[in-house]
Amino acid sequence: MTNNPWEQALAELEKAAAHAKVPRSLVERLRKPDRVIEVSVPVMMDDGRREEFHGYRVQHNNVRGPYKGGLRFHPKVNMDEVKALSFWMTIKNAIVDVPFGGGKGGITVDPKGLSEAELERLTRGFTRKLAPYIGPEQDVPAPDVNTNAKIMGWIRDEYEREVKSQKVKGLPAGRQGKSDMPKGWFDAVVTGKPMERGGSQGRAEATGLGGFYVLSEIMRQTGRAHRGASVAIQGFGNVGSHLAQSLKDAGFSIVALSDSKGGIYISKGIPDLKAVTECKEGSGRLAGCYCVGSVCDLSNVEVLGGRDITSEEALTLPADIVVPAALENAITKENAADIQAGIVLEMANGPTTREADEILGKKGILVIPDVLANSGGVAVSYYEWHQNMRGETWKREEVLRKLKEKMQSATRAVYATSKEHNVSLRDAAYIVALERLAESTSI
C-alpha cells in the first residue's frame, strides 16, 4: 500500500463501485480529471528579484454543475495531492447534494515567507493565469489551507478586471462585456469572500459547525450519549476552533487541542475555549495556554491538572472522540493501533491512510469520513454562490438553518446506506455520491 493521495482516492472509488449500482463507464470517467492546469507564476519580490512559483488547478468532474473547490498555498502542494483533493470535492459535493462538481488548486509556496504585497502579487498573477478556466458558471474556487477571505477578494477583483479588459475569451453566451453581467455575477467567481465583497453570513463557522451536526446525528443514529463525551482535536485553525466551541456548547468535554507547534491536554476538560483562543492569537501557539480567568500561562498547569502534548499525541489520548483537523495522512499504520477513541471525526481532507483505515475498522472504531464530516463548508459556499447569482442576501440564522438541515439529511443518507450494504460509513458515503453522480450523467 501507499500513502499517495491520488492512488488512495482511486482505491476508495473502486471499493465503493463494487457496491454501487452505477455504470462502469462512470467509474472510468471519475478515474481521470476532466482538465489539469499547471502554470508558472512570475512575481516581482519586494527586493527587486523576480521569482517563479508553480500553480495548479485540477477540474475533476462537472456532471452536477460548475467545478468547485479550494485553493491552498503550501510548500507541499503537488499534482497528486491536488488531483486527489479535486476528486474528493466531486464526491463531497454529491454527498451533501449541492449542484457543483469537483475541483481543487493551489500554489507550491510557504506564504508565511512572503510579505502581504508579495502575496497579493502572487495571487493576482495566479488569477490572471486561471481566468480563462474559472468563472461563476465554470469553476468556482474557495479558501483552503493558508488562504482566506482577503485572498478570495483579490481573486474576485482580478477576475473582474480581466473579464472587463476583454482578456478572457470563451465566456458563456451573454456574459461578454461589462454591461451583460447581472448583479453579483463577478462576486460569484469565488466563495469565502469578505462580507463587503459578496461573502455570506455563516461561512466562517460553516465547516466546523457542519462537522458538529454530522457527529451529533451519527451519535443519535447509533444511540450514543454525547453529553460529557470527551474530545481531542488535532488542528486549531478556523475549522477546529469553531468545531470545538460548538461541541462545548452542546455539552461535550474538550480535553485536548493542538496545532503544528504542540498543544494542551486537560483530562477534566478545558474550561474556557475563548480564553485559549485569545492566548493562541497573542502568543502564536497553543502550548502553554492554560487559562484560569484572564491569566493564561504555565503557572496554571497544576491547578488545571494539565500537560503539554505534541500535535501527534493529540490523536492517541484517552478520549471518546478524536478529530484530525489539520492535514492529510495524520493517522497512519504507525499510530492507528494506539488510538483509544471510539469515534474518529475526520475534519481534515484525507487524514487517514488506507492501512490505518483497516486497522481502525478491525478495532471497531467508528470513522466518520472527511467527505461527509467536513462538507459543511461547501454547503455554505453553495449558499454564498446562490445568493450572489440571484442578488440576494440571507441572514445568518437562515444560512445556519439551511446548513443544519443539509448536513443532517446527508448524514442520514450515508448512515442508511451503510446499514443497507453492511459497509463502513466511508464506503457508504462513496456509494451515495456515485449513485447521485450516475443520476446526473448520461454516460
Protein backbone atom coordinates (compact mmCIF):
# COMPACT_ATOMS: atom_id res chain seq x y z
CA MET A 1 0.00 0.00 0.00
CA THR A 2 0.98 3.63 -0.49
CA ASN A 3 0.15 6.99 1.06
CA ASN A 4 -0.02 8.65 -2.36
CA PRO A 5 -3.32 10.58 -2.08
CA TRP A 6 -4.36 10.11 -5.71
CA GLU A 7 -3.84 6.34 -5.53
CA GLN A 8 -5.75 6.31 -2.25
CA ALA A 9 -8.63 8.19 -3.88
CA LEU A 10 -8.78 5.71 -6.77
CA ALA A 11 -8.77 2.77 -4.36
CA GLU A 12 -11.69 4.29 -2.45
CA LEU A 13 -13.54 4.78 -5.74
CA GLU A 14 -13.11 1.14 -6.77
CA LYS A 15 -14.12 -0.19 -3.37
CA ALA A 16 -17.38 1.76 -3.41
CA ALA A 17 -18.06 0.95 -7.07
CA ALA A 18 -18.25 -2.73 -6.14
CA HIS A 19 -21.41 -1.96 -4.15
CA ALA A 20 -22.96 0.97 -6.03
CA LYS A 21 -25.45 0.40 -8.84
CA VAL A 22 -23.67 2.60 -11.39
CA PRO A 23 -22.33 2.00 -14.92
CA ARG A 24 -18.66 1.15 -15.25
CA SER A 25 -18.30 3.98 -17.73
CA LEU A 26 -18.95 6.48 -14.92
CA VAL A 27 -16.26 4.91 -12.75
CA GLU A 28 -13.78 5.08 -15.63
CA ARG A 29 -14.59 8.75 -16.18
CA LEU A 30 -14.05 9.52 -12.50
CA ARG A 31 -10.61 7.89 -12.66
CA LYS A 32 -9.39 10.78 -14.83
CA PRO A 33 -9.84 14.53 -14.24
CA ASP A 34 -11.61 16.47 -16.96
CA ARG A 35 -8.78 19.02 -17.13
CA VAL A 36 -5.39 19.51 -15.46
CA ILE A 37 -3.91 23.01 -15.44
CA GLU A 38 -0.30 23.78 -14.49
CA VAL A 39 1.04 27.31 -14.60
CA SER A 40 4.19 29.21 -13.73
CA VAL A 41 3.54 32.49 -11.96
CA PRO A 42 6.30 35.12 -12.07
CA VAL A 43 6.32 37.51 -9.12
CA MET A 44 8.40 40.63 -8.52
CA MET A 45 9.61 40.38 -4.93
CA ASP A 46 9.97 43.35 -2.62
CA ASP A 47 13.76 43.34 -3.00
CA GLY A 48 13.54 43.56 -6.80
CA ARG A 49 14.14 39.87 -7.51
CA ARG A 50 11.87 38.00 -9.91
CA GLU A 51 10.77 34.63 -8.58
CA GLU A 52 8.73 31.89 -10.28
CA PHE A 53 6.04 29.92 -8.43
CA HIS A 54 4.30 26.74 -9.58
CA GLY A 55 0.50 26.67 -9.53
CA TYR A 56 -2.17 24.06 -10.21
CA ARG A 57 -5.88 23.77 -10.86
CA VAL A 58 -7.47 20.37 -11.41
CA GLN A 59 -11.05 20.27 -12.70
CA HIS A 60 -12.13 16.76 -11.90
CA ASN A 61 -15.76 16.38 -12.90
CA ASN A 62 -18.69 18.72 -13.63
CA VAL A 63 -21.67 16.46 -14.36
CA ARG A 64 -23.56 18.01 -11.41
CA GLY A 65 -22.54 21.62 -12.01
CA PRO A 66 -19.56 24.02 -12.09
CA TYR A 67 -16.27 22.73 -10.70
CA LYS A 68 -15.95 23.74 -7.05
CA GLY A 69 -13.11 23.51 -4.59
CA GLY A 70 -10.48 25.39 -2.65
CA LEU A 71 -7.09 26.90 -3.38
CA ARG A 72 -4.28 26.10 -0.95
CA PHE A 73 -0.92 27.86 -0.60
CA HIS A 74 1.51 25.38 0.95
CA PRO A 75 5.11 24.20 0.36
CA LYS A 76 3.97 20.60 -0.17
CA VAL A 77 1.31 21.27 -2.79
CA ASN A 78 1.83 18.86 -5.70
CA MET A 79 -0.14 17.39 -8.58
CA ASP A 80 -1.10 14.08 -6.96
CA GLU A 81 -2.39 15.91 -3.89
CA VAL A 82 -4.44 18.37 -5.94
CA LYS A 83 -5.86 15.60 -8.16
CA ALA A 84 -6.97 13.66 -5.08
CA LEU A 85 -8.48 16.73 -3.45
CA SER A 86 -10.38 17.58 -6.64
CA PHE A 87 -11.77 14.03 -6.74
CA TRP A 88 -12.82 14.25 -3.11
CA MET A 89 -14.64 17.51 -3.91
CA THR A 90 -16.62 15.74 -6.64
CA ILE A 91 -17.62 13.10 -4.08
CA LYS A 92 -18.23 15.60 -1.29
CA ASN A 93 -20.50 17.85 -3.35
CA ALA A 94 -22.57 14.85 -4.39
CA ILE A 95 -22.87 13.61 -0.81
CA VAL A 96 -24.05 16.97 0.51
CA ASP A 97 -26.25 17.26 -2.60
CA VAL A 98 -25.31 20.65 -4.00
CA PRO A 99 -25.19 21.38 -7.76
CA PHE A 100 -21.41 21.54 -8.08
CA GLY A 101 -18.72 19.31 -9.49
CA GLY A 102 -15.24 18.89 -8.05
CA GLY A 103 -12.10 20.97 -8.46
CA LYS A 104 -9.06 21.94 -6.44
CA GLY A 105 -5.96 24.07 -6.85
CA GLY A 106 -3.00 25.61 -5.18
CA ILE A 107 0.45 27.08 -5.33
CA THR A 108 3.64 25.47 -4.07
CA VAL A 109 4.72 28.22 -1.66
CA ASP A 110 5.16 28.98 2.01
CA PRO A 111 3.01 32.11 2.31
CA LYS A 112 4.46 32.85 5.74
CA GLY A 113 7.71 33.74 3.96
CA LEU A 114 6.03 36.41 1.82
CA SER A 115 5.10 39.97 2.63
CA GLU A 116 1.44 40.89 2.14
CA ALA A 117 2.36 42.81 -1.02
CA GLU A 118 4.20 39.78 -2.43
CA LEU A 119 1.29 37.51 -1.51
CA GLU A 120 -1.14 39.83 -3.29
CA ARG A 121 1.00 39.98 -6.44
CA LEU A 122 1.30 36.19 -6.42
CA THR A 123 -2.47 35.76 -6.00
CA ARG A 124 -3.34 38.24 -8.73
CA GLY A 125 -0.77 36.71 -11.09
CA PHE A 126 -2.20 33.24 -10.45
CA THR A 127 -5.72 34.58 -11.09
CA ARG A 128 -4.69 36.01 -14.45
CA LYS A 129 -3.36 32.59 -15.48
CA LEU A 130 -6.55 30.84 -14.31
CA ALA A 131 -9.04 33.44 -15.55
CA PRO A 132 -9.90 31.65 -18.85
CA TYR A 133 -10.74 28.48 -16.91
CA ILE A 134 -12.73 29.82 -13.93
CA GLY A 135 -15.99 31.73 -13.60
CA PRO A 136 -19.36 31.61 -11.81
CA GLU A 137 -20.76 29.08 -14.30
CA GLN A 138 -17.49 27.25 -14.99
CA ASP A 139 -15.24 26.82 -11.91
CA VAL A 140 -15.66 28.48 -8.51
CA PRO A 141 -12.58 28.46 -6.22
CA ALA A 142 -12.69 28.96 -2.44
CA PRO A 143 -10.32 29.24 0.56
CA ASP A 144 -8.34 26.24 1.76
CA VAL A 145 -5.06 25.78 3.66
CA ASN A 146 -3.31 29.16 4.14
CA THR A 147 -5.84 31.10 2.08
CA ASN A 148 -8.59 33.32 3.43
CA ALA A 149 -11.31 35.87 2.69
CA LYS A 150 -8.83 38.61 1.80
CA ILE A 151 -7.14 36.39 -0.80
CA MET A 152 -10.54 35.45 -2.25
CA GLY A 153 -11.31 39.17 -2.52
CA TRP A 154 -8.13 39.70 -4.55
CA ILE A 155 -9.12 36.85 -6.88
CA ARG A 156 -12.63 38.22 -7.32
CA ASP A 157 -11.36 41.71 -8.19
CA GLU A 158 -8.59 40.48 -10.53
CA TYR A 159 -11.03 38.21 -12.37
CA GLU A 160 -13.42 41.12 -12.93
CA ARG A 161 -10.55 43.23 -14.23
CA GLU A 162 -9.50 40.52 -16.68
CA VAL A 163 -13.05 39.98 -17.98
CA LYS A 164 -13.76 43.69 -18.40
CA SER A 165 -10.49 44.18 -20.24
CA GLN A 166 -11.69 41.52 -22.72
CA LYS A 167 -8.65 39.35 -21.95
CA VAL A 168 -10.84 36.39 -21.02
CA LYS A 169 -12.28 34.61 -24.03
CA GLY A 170 -14.87 31.87 -24.29
CA LEU A 171 -17.28 33.09 -21.61
CA PRO A 172 -20.81 31.66 -21.76
CA ALA A 173 -23.19 33.33 -24.19
CA GLY A 174 -24.46 36.65 -22.88
CA ARG A 175 -21.55 37.05 -20.48
CA GLN A 176 -19.20 39.07 -22.72
CA GLY A 177 -18.57 42.62 -21.66
CA LYS A 178 -19.37 44.80 -18.68
CA SER A 179 -22.99 45.61 -19.49
CA ASP A 180 -24.11 41.98 -19.77
CA MET A 181 -23.13 40.91 -16.26
CA PRO A 182 -26.03 40.57 -13.80
CA LYS A 183 -25.69 41.95 -10.28
CA GLY A 184 -23.47 39.69 -8.17
CA TRP A 185 -22.05 37.75 -11.15
CA PHE A 186 -18.45 38.78 -10.52
CA ASP A 187 -18.93 38.14 -6.79
CA ALA A 188 -19.88 34.53 -7.64
CA VAL A 189 -16.49 33.67 -9.19
CA VAL A 190 -15.20 32.66 -5.74
CA THR A 191 -16.75 31.91 -2.37
CA GLY A 192 -15.42 32.56 1.12
CA LYS A 193 -15.11 36.28 0.34
CA PRO A 194 -15.28 39.20 2.78
CA MET A 195 -18.85 40.24 3.53
CA GLU A 196 -18.40 43.57 1.76
CA ARG A 197 -17.30 41.74 -1.40
CA GLY A 198 -20.33 39.43 -1.55
CA GLY A 199 -19.49 36.92 1.18
CA SER A 200 -22.15 35.02 3.10
CA GLN A 201 -23.14 35.13 6.71
CA GLY A 202 -22.18 31.87 8.44
CA ARG A 203 -19.34 30.97 6.05
CA ALA A 204 -16.54 31.28 8.63
CA GLU A 205 -18.04 28.71 11.00
CA ALA A 206 -19.66 26.50 8.35
CA THR A 207 -17.11 23.66 8.14
CA GLY A 208 -16.65 23.28 11.90
CA LEU A 209 -20.34 23.67 12.67
CA GLY A 210 -21.22 21.26 9.87
CA GLY A 211 -18.92 18.68 11.43
CA PHE A 212 -20.73 19.13 14.73
CA TYR A 213 -24.08 18.49 13.05
CA VAL A 214 -22.74 15.34 11.39
CA LEU A 215 -21.24 13.98 14.60
CA SER A 216 -24.41 14.72 16.57
CA GLU A 217 -26.60 12.96 14.00
CA ILE A 218 -24.32 9.89 13.87
CA MET A 219 -24.33 9.67 17.67
CA ARG A 220 -28.13 9.95 17.64
CA GLN A 221 -28.44 7.25 14.99
CA THR A 222 -26.10 4.91 16.88
CA GLY A 223 -27.65 5.61 20.29
CA ARG A 224 -24.54 7.19 21.83
CA ALA A 225 -24.88 9.83 24.54
CA HIS A 226 -22.94 13.00 23.76
CA ARG A 227 -23.18 14.94 27.00
CA GLY A 228 -19.86 14.69 28.77
CA ALA A 229 -18.21 12.78 25.92
CA SER A 230 -14.53 13.73 25.74
CA VAL A 231 -12.98 15.12 22.56
CA ALA A 232 -9.35 15.66 21.49
CA ILE A 233 -8.79 17.87 18.44
CA GLN A 234 -5.64 17.98 16.30
CA GLY A 235 -5.65 21.28 14.45
CA PHE A 236 -6.96 24.51 15.96
CA GLY A 237 -7.41 26.77 12.98
CA ASN A 238 -10.74 28.03 11.69
CA VAL A 239 -12.28 24.55 11.44
CA GLY A 240 -11.00 23.15 14.73
CA SER A 241 -11.86 26.24 16.75
CA HIS A 242 -15.46 26.51 15.55
CA LEU A 243 -15.98 22.76 15.97
CA ALA A 244 -14.58 22.87 19.50
CA GLN A 245 -16.86 25.72 20.56
CA SER A 246 -19.94 24.05 19.05
CA LEU A 247 -19.13 20.81 20.85
CA LYS A 248 -18.51 22.52 24.17
CA ASP A 249 -21.76 24.49 23.90
CA ALA A 250 -23.59 21.18 23.37
CA GLY A 251 -22.11 19.57 26.49
CA PHE A 252 -19.08 17.72 25.12
CA SER A 253 -15.85 17.93 27.12
CA ILE A 254 -12.89 19.26 25.09
CA VAL A 255 -9.86 17.64 26.73
CA ALA A 256 -7.11 18.39 24.21
CA LEU A 257 -6.25 20.89 21.48
CA SER A 258 -3.14 21.06 19.35
CA ASP A 259 -1.60 22.97 16.46
CA SER A 260 1.58 22.40 14.46
CA LYS A 261 3.72 23.61 17.40
CA GLY A 262 2.16 21.43 20.09
CA GLY A 263 -0.86 21.63 22.35
CA ILE A 264 -2.51 21.23 25.73
CA TYR A 265 -4.25 18.34 27.47
CA ILE A 266 -6.55 18.71 30.48
CA SER A 267 -8.25 15.41 31.31
CA LYS A 268 -11.20 17.01 33.11
CA GLY A 269 -11.86 19.38 30.22
CA ILE A 270 -10.58 22.76 29.03
CA PRO A 271 -12.71 25.27 30.94
CA ASP A 272 -12.54 28.36 28.70
CA LEU A 273 -12.04 27.89 24.95
CA LYS A 274 -12.38 31.60 24.20
CA ALA A 275 -9.53 32.42 26.57
CA VAL A 276 -7.39 29.70 24.98
CA THR A 277 -8.15 31.10 21.52
CA GLU A 278 -7.13 34.59 22.60
CA CYS A 279 -3.96 33.18 24.18
CA LYS A 280 -3.02 31.40 20.96
CA GLU A 281 -3.67 34.51 18.89
CA GLY A 282 -1.45 36.51 21.21
CA SER A 283 1.43 34.05 21.53
CA GLY A 284 1.18 32.31 18.17
CA ARG A 285 0.92 28.84 19.75
CA LEU A 286 -1.37 26.72 21.90
CA ALA A 287 1.31 25.22 24.12
CA GLY A 288 1.28 26.97 27.47
CA CYS A 289 -2.27 28.34 27.09
CA TYR A 290 -3.59 27.10 30.43
CA CYS A 291 -6.23 29.68 31.26
CA VAL A 292 -7.85 30.48 34.59
CA GLY A 293 -9.85 33.66 34.28
CA SER A 294 -7.82 36.17 32.29
CA VAL A 295 -4.48 34.58 33.22
CA CYS A 296 -3.10 32.12 30.65
CA ASP A 297 0.32 30.63 31.37
CA LEU A 298 2.19 27.60 32.68
CA SER A 299 1.56 28.61 36.29
CA ASN A 300 -1.95 27.18 35.88
CA VAL A 301 -0.84 23.72 34.73
CA GLU A 302 -1.04 22.07 38.14
CA VAL A 303 -4.27 23.87 39.06
CA LEU A 304 -5.97 22.51 35.94
CA GLY A 305 -4.22 19.14 36.02
CA GLY A 306 -2.89 19.65 32.51
CA ARG A 307 0.21 18.92 30.47
CA ASP A 308 1.74 19.88 27.16
CA ILE A 309 1.38 17.46 24.24
CA THR A 310 2.68 17.16 20.70
CA SER A 311 0.36 17.55 17.74
CA GLU A 312 0.69 13.81 17.02
CA GLU A 313 -0.10 12.87 20.61
CA ALA A 314 -3.50 14.58 20.42
CA LEU A 315 -4.82 11.67 18.38
CA THR A 316 -3.79 8.90 20.79
CA LEU A 317 -5.01 10.34 24.09
CA PRO A 318 -7.70 8.61 26.17
CA ALA A 319 -10.75 10.37 24.67
CA ASP A 320 -14.14 9.23 23.39
CA ILE A 321 -13.72 11.13 20.11
CA VAL A 322 -10.59 12.25 18.29
CA VAL A 323 -10.64 14.79 15.49
CA PRO A 324 -7.86 15.09 12.91
CA ALA A 325 -8.48 18.64 11.66
CA ALA A 326 -5.09 19.55 10.20
CA LEU A 327 -3.50 17.97 7.09
CA GLU A 328 -3.53 14.65 5.22
CA ASN A 329 -2.07 11.38 6.49
CA ALA A 330 -2.33 12.21 10.19
CA ILE A 331 -3.46 8.68 11.07
CA THR A 332 -1.17 6.03 9.60
CA LYS A 333 -0.25 2.40 10.22
CA GLU A 334 2.35 3.69 12.69
CA ASN A 335 -0.17 5.28 15.09
CA ALA A 336 -3.58 3.77 14.25
CA ALA A 337 -3.21 0.93 16.75
CA ASP A 338 -2.57 3.49 19.52
CA ILE A 339 -5.84 5.35 19.03
CA GLN A 340 -8.04 4.86 22.07
CA ALA A 341 -11.16 6.73 20.96
CA GLY A 342 -14.34 5.03 19.83
CA ILE A 343 -15.02 7.64 17.13
CA VAL A 344 -12.71 9.38 14.66
CA LEU A 345 -14.27 12.51 13.14
CA GLU A 346 -12.26 13.40 10.02
CA MET A 347 -12.35 17.17 9.65
CA ALA A 348 -9.17 17.37 7.56
CA ASN A 349 -9.07 16.12 3.97
CA GLY A 350 -7.61 12.63 3.68
CA PRO A 351 -6.33 12.40 7.27
CA THR A 352 -6.42 8.58 7.43
CA THR A 353 -4.34 6.32 5.19
CA ARG A 354 -5.79 3.11 3.74
CA GLU A 355 -3.65 0.94 6.04
CA ALA A 356 -4.77 2.95 9.07
CA ASP A 357 -8.42 2.74 7.99
CA GLU A 358 -8.20 -1.05 8.00
CA ILE A 359 -6.61 -1.07 11.47
CA LEU A 360 -9.28 1.26 12.87
CA GLY A 361 -12.02 -0.91 11.35
CA LYS A 362 -10.63 -4.07 12.93
CA LYS A 363 -10.53 -2.28 16.30
CA GLY A 364 -14.21 -1.40 15.94
CA ILE A 365 -13.56 2.33 15.83
CA LEU A 366 -16.29 4.28 14.03
CA VAL A 367 -14.71 6.57 11.41
CA ILE A 368 -16.87 9.45 10.18
CA PRO A 369 -15.25 10.17 6.80
CA ASP A 370 -13.93 13.53 5.65
CA VAL A 371 -16.14 13.67 2.55
CA LEU A 372 -19.14 13.81 4.87
CA ALA A 373 -17.74 15.35 8.06
CA ASN A 374 -16.17 18.49 6.57
CA SER A 375 -18.68 19.16 3.79
CA GLY A 376 -20.41 21.96 5.70
CA GLY A 377 -18.00 24.44 4.14
CA VAL A 378 -19.02 23.64 0.59
CA ALA A 379 -22.70 23.63 1.57
CA VAL A 380 -22.46 27.25 2.69
CA SER A 381 -20.19 28.01 -0.26
CA TYR A 382 -23.12 26.94 -2.42
CA TYR A 383 -25.42 29.22 -0.45
CA GLU A 384 -22.97 32.11 -0.98
CA TRP A 385 -22.79 31.42 -4.73
CA HIS A 386 -26.59 31.10 -4.87
CA GLN A 387 -27.06 34.48 -3.17
CA ASN A 388 -24.51 36.14 -5.48
CA MET A 389 -26.07 34.75 -8.66
CA ARG A 390 -29.52 35.98 -7.61
CA GLY A 391 -28.52 39.24 -5.96
CA GLU A 392 -29.83 38.08 -2.58
CA THR A 393 -28.55 38.45 0.99
CA TRP A 394 -29.60 35.90 3.60
CA LYS A 395 -29.49 36.39 7.36
CA ARG A 396 -27.08 34.27 9.40
CA GLU A 397 -29.94 32.40 11.06
CA GLU A 398 -31.33 31.35 7.68
CA VAL A 399 -27.93 30.18 6.42
CA LEU A 400 -27.25 28.10 9.54
CA ARG A 401 -30.77 26.61 9.50
CA LYS A 402 -30.25 25.50 5.91
CA LEU A 403 -26.79 24.16 6.83
CA LYS A 404 -28.17 22.06 9.69
CA GLU A 405 -30.91 20.58 7.50
CA LYS A 406 -28.41 19.85 4.71
CA MET A 407 -25.89 18.13 6.99
CA GLN A 408 -28.48 16.07 8.82
CA SER A 409 -30.01 14.93 5.52
CA ALA A 410 -26.61 13.92 4.11
CA THR A 411 -25.71 12.07 7.31
CA ARG A 412 -28.97 10.14 7.37
CA ALA A 413 -28.48 9.09 3.73
CA VAL A 414 -24.95 7.85 4.43
CA TYR A 415 -25.92 6.04 7.62
CA ALA A 416 -28.89 4.33 5.95
CA THR A 417 -26.67 3.21 3.07
CA SER A 418 -24.08 1.80 5.48
CA LYS A 419 -26.81 -0.33 7.05
CA GLU A 420 -28.29 -1.39 3.71
CA HIS A 421 -24.94 -2.62 2.34
CA ASN A 422 -23.32 -3.53 5.69
CA VAL A 423 -20.32 -1.33 4.92
CA SER A 424 -18.35 1.39 6.69
CA LEU A 425 -19.54 4.98 6.71
CA ARG A 426 -16.72 5.82 4.31
CA ASP A 427 -17.81 3.22 1.77
CA ALA A 428 -21.43 4.27 2.25
CA ALA A 429 -20.58 7.93 1.61
CA TYR A 430 -18.94 7.00 -1.69
CA ILE A 431 -21.87 4.80 -2.69
CA VAL A 432 -24.28 7.70 -2.06
CA ALA A 433 -22.07 10.00 -4.12
CA LEU A 434 -21.65 7.58 -7.03
CA GLU A 435 -25.37 6.93 -7.29
CA ARG A 436 -26.11 10.67 -7.30
CA LEU A 437 -23.43 11.24 -9.94
CA ALA A 438 -24.95 8.46 -12.05
CA GLU A 439 -28.34 10.16 -11.86
CA SER A 440 -26.77 13.36 -13.26
CA THR A 441 -24.96 11.86 -16.24
CA SER A 442 -25.98 10.14 -19.44
CA ILE A 443 -22.79 8.01 -19.51
